[in-house]
């Protein structure tokens, strides 16, 4: 499973592909949620774009999102504190915040 919820904190195991045509969630891929980011992995641009993308998707501030592990790799463990919504593309989360 690519997510874990503890109280009002959500952990996601992500597989991030930089230099994609657009920012989007592709869907589950084994134990990870596959995410495509349009920014190149140079000078932290892909990292910053991933933070903006996730903050927008989960309707939270960028400061509420941290990368727990995998900062420099494609496989990341992301912590999202108090997400206000769950994107419709992530169907497994239906009712996860109730």
C-alpha atoms as a PDB file:
ATOM      1  CA  UNK A   1       0.000   0.000   0.000  1.00  0.00           C
ATOM      2  CA  UNK A   2       1.388   3.390  -0.943  1.00  0.00           C
ATOM      3  CA  UNK A   3      -0.137   5.427   1.877  1.00  0.00           C
ATOM      4  CA  UNK A   4      -0.474   5.445   5.639  1.00  0.00           C
ATOM      5  CA  UNK A   5      -2.565   7.753   7.769  1.00  0.00           C
ATOM      6  CA  UNK A   6      -1.803   8.596  11.397  1.00  0.00           C
ATOM      7  CA  UNK A   7      -4.355  10.966  12.938  1.00  0.00           C
ATOM      8  CA  UNK A   8      -4.207  14.069  10.725  1.00  0.00           C
ATOM      9  CA  UNK A   9      -0.913  13.194   9.029  1.00  0.00           C
ATOM     10  CA  UNK A  10      -0.775  11.397   5.693  1.00  0.00           C
ATOM     11  CA  UNK A  11       2.333   9.537   4.489  1.00  0.00           C
ATOM     12  CA  UNK A  12       2.722   8.754   0.786  1.00  0.00           C
ATOM     13  CA  UNK A  13       5.278   6.506  -0.868  1.00  0.00           C
ATOM     14  CA  UNK A  14       5.824   8.213  -4.216  1.00  0.00           C
ATOM     15  CA  UNK A  15       7.655   7.392  -7.402  1.00  0.00           C
ATOM     16  CA  UNK A  16       8.423  10.751  -9.011  1.00  0.00           C
ATOM     17  CA  UNK A  17       9.312  11.180 -12.680  1.00  0.00           C
ATOM     18  CA  UNK A  18      10.785  14.606 -13.506  1.00  0.00           C
ATOM     19  CA  UNK A  19      10.830  16.265 -16.953  1.00  0.00           C
ATOM     20  CA  UNK A  20       7.309  15.052 -17.807  1.00  0.00           C
ATOM     21  CA  UNK A  21       4.946  16.918 -20.125  1.00  0.00           C
ATOM     22  CA  UNK A  22       2.742  17.986 -17.223  1.00  0.00           C
ATOM     23  CA  UNK A  23       2.356  17.708 -13.467  1.00  0.00           C
ATOM     24  CA  UNK A  24      -0.043  14.869 -12.678  1.00  0.00           C
ATOM     25  CA  UNK A  25      -0.778  11.797 -10.630  1.00  0.00           C
ATOM     26  CA  UNK A  26      -0.517   8.730 -12.852  1.00  0.00           C
ATOM     27  CA  UNK A  27      -1.862   6.323 -10.232  1.00  0.00           C
ATOM     28  CA  UNK A  28      -0.724   3.444  -8.045  1.00  0.00           C
ATOM     29  CA  UNK A  29       2.362   1.554  -9.178  1.00  0.00           C
ATOM     30  CA  UNK A  30       2.993  -1.353  -6.829  1.00  0.00           C
ATOM     31  CA  UNK A  31       3.894   0.083  -3.430  1.00  0.00           C
ATOM     32  CA  UNK A  32       4.186   3.651  -4.754  1.00  0.00           C
ATOM     33  CA  UNK A  33       1.974   6.398  -6.107  1.00  0.00           C
ATOM     34  CA  UNK A  34       3.420   7.429  -9.460  1.00  0.00           C
ATOM     35  CA  UNK A  35       3.655  11.200  -9.943  1.00  0.00           C
ATOM     36  CA  UNK A  36       4.950  13.079 -12.977  1.00  0.00           C
ATOM     37  CA  UNK A  37       6.525  16.516 -12.535  1.00  0.00           C
ATOM     38  CA  UNK A  38       7.287  18.862 -15.427  1.00  0.00           C
ATOM     39  CA  UNK A  39      10.383  20.457 -13.877  1.00  0.00           C
ATOM     40  CA  UNK A  40      13.883  19.139 -14.519  1.00  0.00           C
ATOM     41  CA  UNK A  41      15.819  17.620 -11.587  1.00  0.00           C
ATOM     42  CA  UNK A  42      18.372  20.437 -11.593  1.00  0.00           C
ATOM     43  CA  UNK A  43      19.074  22.898  -8.780  1.00  0.00           C
ATOM     44  CA  UNK A  44      16.088  21.634  -6.769  1.00  0.00           C
ATOM     45  CA  UNK A  45      13.539  22.654  -9.407  1.00  0.00           C
ATOM     46  CA  UNK A  46      11.753  19.294  -9.447  1.00  0.00           C
ATOM     47  CA  UNK A  47      11.664  19.272  -5.630  1.00  0.00           C
ATOM     48  CA  UNK A  48      10.099  22.746  -5.503  1.00  0.00           C
ATOM     49  CA  UNK A  49       7.601  21.856  -8.222  1.00  0.00           C
ATOM     50  CA  UNK A  50       6.624  18.650  -6.389  1.00  0.00           C
ATOM     51  CA  UNK A  51       5.980  20.650  -3.195  1.00  0.00           C
ATOM     52  CA  UNK A  52       3.806  23.174  -5.081  1.00  0.00           C
ATOM     53  CA  UNK A  53       1.932  20.404  -6.889  1.00  0.00           C
ATOM     54  CA  UNK A  54       1.185  18.402  -3.726  1.00  0.00           C
ATOM     55  CA  UNK A  55       0.205  21.514  -1.750  1.00  0.00           C
ATOM     56  CA  UNK A  56      -2.242  22.453  -4.477  1.00  0.00           C
ATOM     57  CA  UNK A  57      -3.674  18.923  -4.749  1.00  0.00           C
ATOM     58  CA  UNK A  58      -4.197  18.449  -1.025  1.00  0.00           C
ATOM     59  CA  UNK A  59      -5.225  22.090  -0.386  1.00  0.00           C
ATOM     60  CA  UNK A  60      -2.552  22.716   2.195  1.00  0.00           C
ATOM     61  CA  UNK A  61       0.491  24.944   2.591  1.00  0.00           C
ATOM     62  CA  UNK A  62       3.881  23.946   1.203  1.00  0.00           C
ATOM     63  CA  UNK A  63       5.259  24.131   4.726  1.00  0.00           C
ATOM     64  CA  UNK A  64       2.901  21.290   5.739  1.00  0.00           C
ATOM     65  CA  UNK A  65       4.663  18.942   3.301  1.00  0.00           C
ATOM     66  CA  UNK A  66       8.024  17.354   4.021  1.00  0.00           C
ATOM     67  CA  UNK A  67      10.047  14.645   2.331  1.00  0.00           C
ATOM     68  CA  UNK A  68      10.886  12.102   5.003  1.00  0.00           C
ATOM     69  CA  UNK A  69      13.201  10.027   2.810  1.00  0.00           C
ATOM     70  CA  UNK A  70      14.426   9.870  -0.768  1.00  0.00           C
ATOM     71  CA  UNK A  71      15.161  13.561  -1.210  1.00  0.00           C
ATOM     72  CA  UNK A  72      17.578  13.018  -4.103  1.00  0.00           C
ATOM     73  CA  UNK A  73      16.012   9.865  -5.571  1.00  0.00           C
ATOM     74  CA  UNK A  74      12.859   9.076  -7.521  1.00  0.00           C
ATOM     75  CA  UNK A  75      11.310   7.083  -4.697  1.00  0.00           C
ATOM     76  CA  UNK A  76      10.245   9.403  -1.907  1.00  0.00           C
ATOM     77  CA  UNK A  77       8.321   9.121   1.328  1.00  0.00           C
ATOM     78  CA  UNK A  78       6.265  12.286   1.743  1.00  0.00           C
ATOM     79  CA  UNK A  79       4.547  13.532   4.891  1.00  0.00           C
ATOM     80  CA  UNK A  80       1.485  15.783   4.473  1.00  0.00           C
ATOM     81  CA  UNK A  81       0.199  17.380   7.673  1.00  0.00           C
ATOM     82  CA  UNK A  82      -3.525  18.093   7.884  1.00  0.00           C
ATOM     83  CA  UNK A  83      -4.503  17.665   4.215  1.00  0.00           C
ATOM     84  CA  UNK A  84      -7.816  19.449   3.654  1.00  0.00           C
ATOM     85  CA  UNK A  85      -8.850  17.345   0.678  1.00  0.00           C
ATOM     86  CA  UNK A  86      -7.901  14.212  -1.199  1.00  0.00           C
ATOM     87  CA  UNK A  87      -7.539  14.399  -4.997  1.00  0.00           C
ATOM     88  CA  UNK A  88     -10.212  12.439  -6.896  1.00  0.00           C
ATOM     89  CA  UNK A  89      -7.458  10.635  -8.831  1.00  0.00           C
ATOM     90  CA  UNK A  90      -6.496   8.855  -5.605  1.00  0.00           C
ATOM     91  CA  UNK A  91      -9.614   6.709  -5.257  1.00  0.00           C
ATOM     92  CA  UNK A  92      -8.303   4.616  -2.382  1.00  0.00           C
ATOM     93  CA  UNK A  93      -8.535   7.644  -0.084  1.00  0.00           C
ATOM     94  CA  UNK A  94     -12.304   7.984  -0.344  1.00  0.00           C
ATOM     95  CA  UNK A  95     -13.368   8.874   3.182  1.00  0.00           C
ATOM     96  CA  UNK A  96      -9.803   8.804   4.524  1.00  0.00           C
ATOM     97  CA  UNK A  97     -10.149  12.136   6.299  1.00  0.00           C
ATOM     98  CA  UNK A  98     -13.423  11.451   8.083  1.00  0.00           C
END
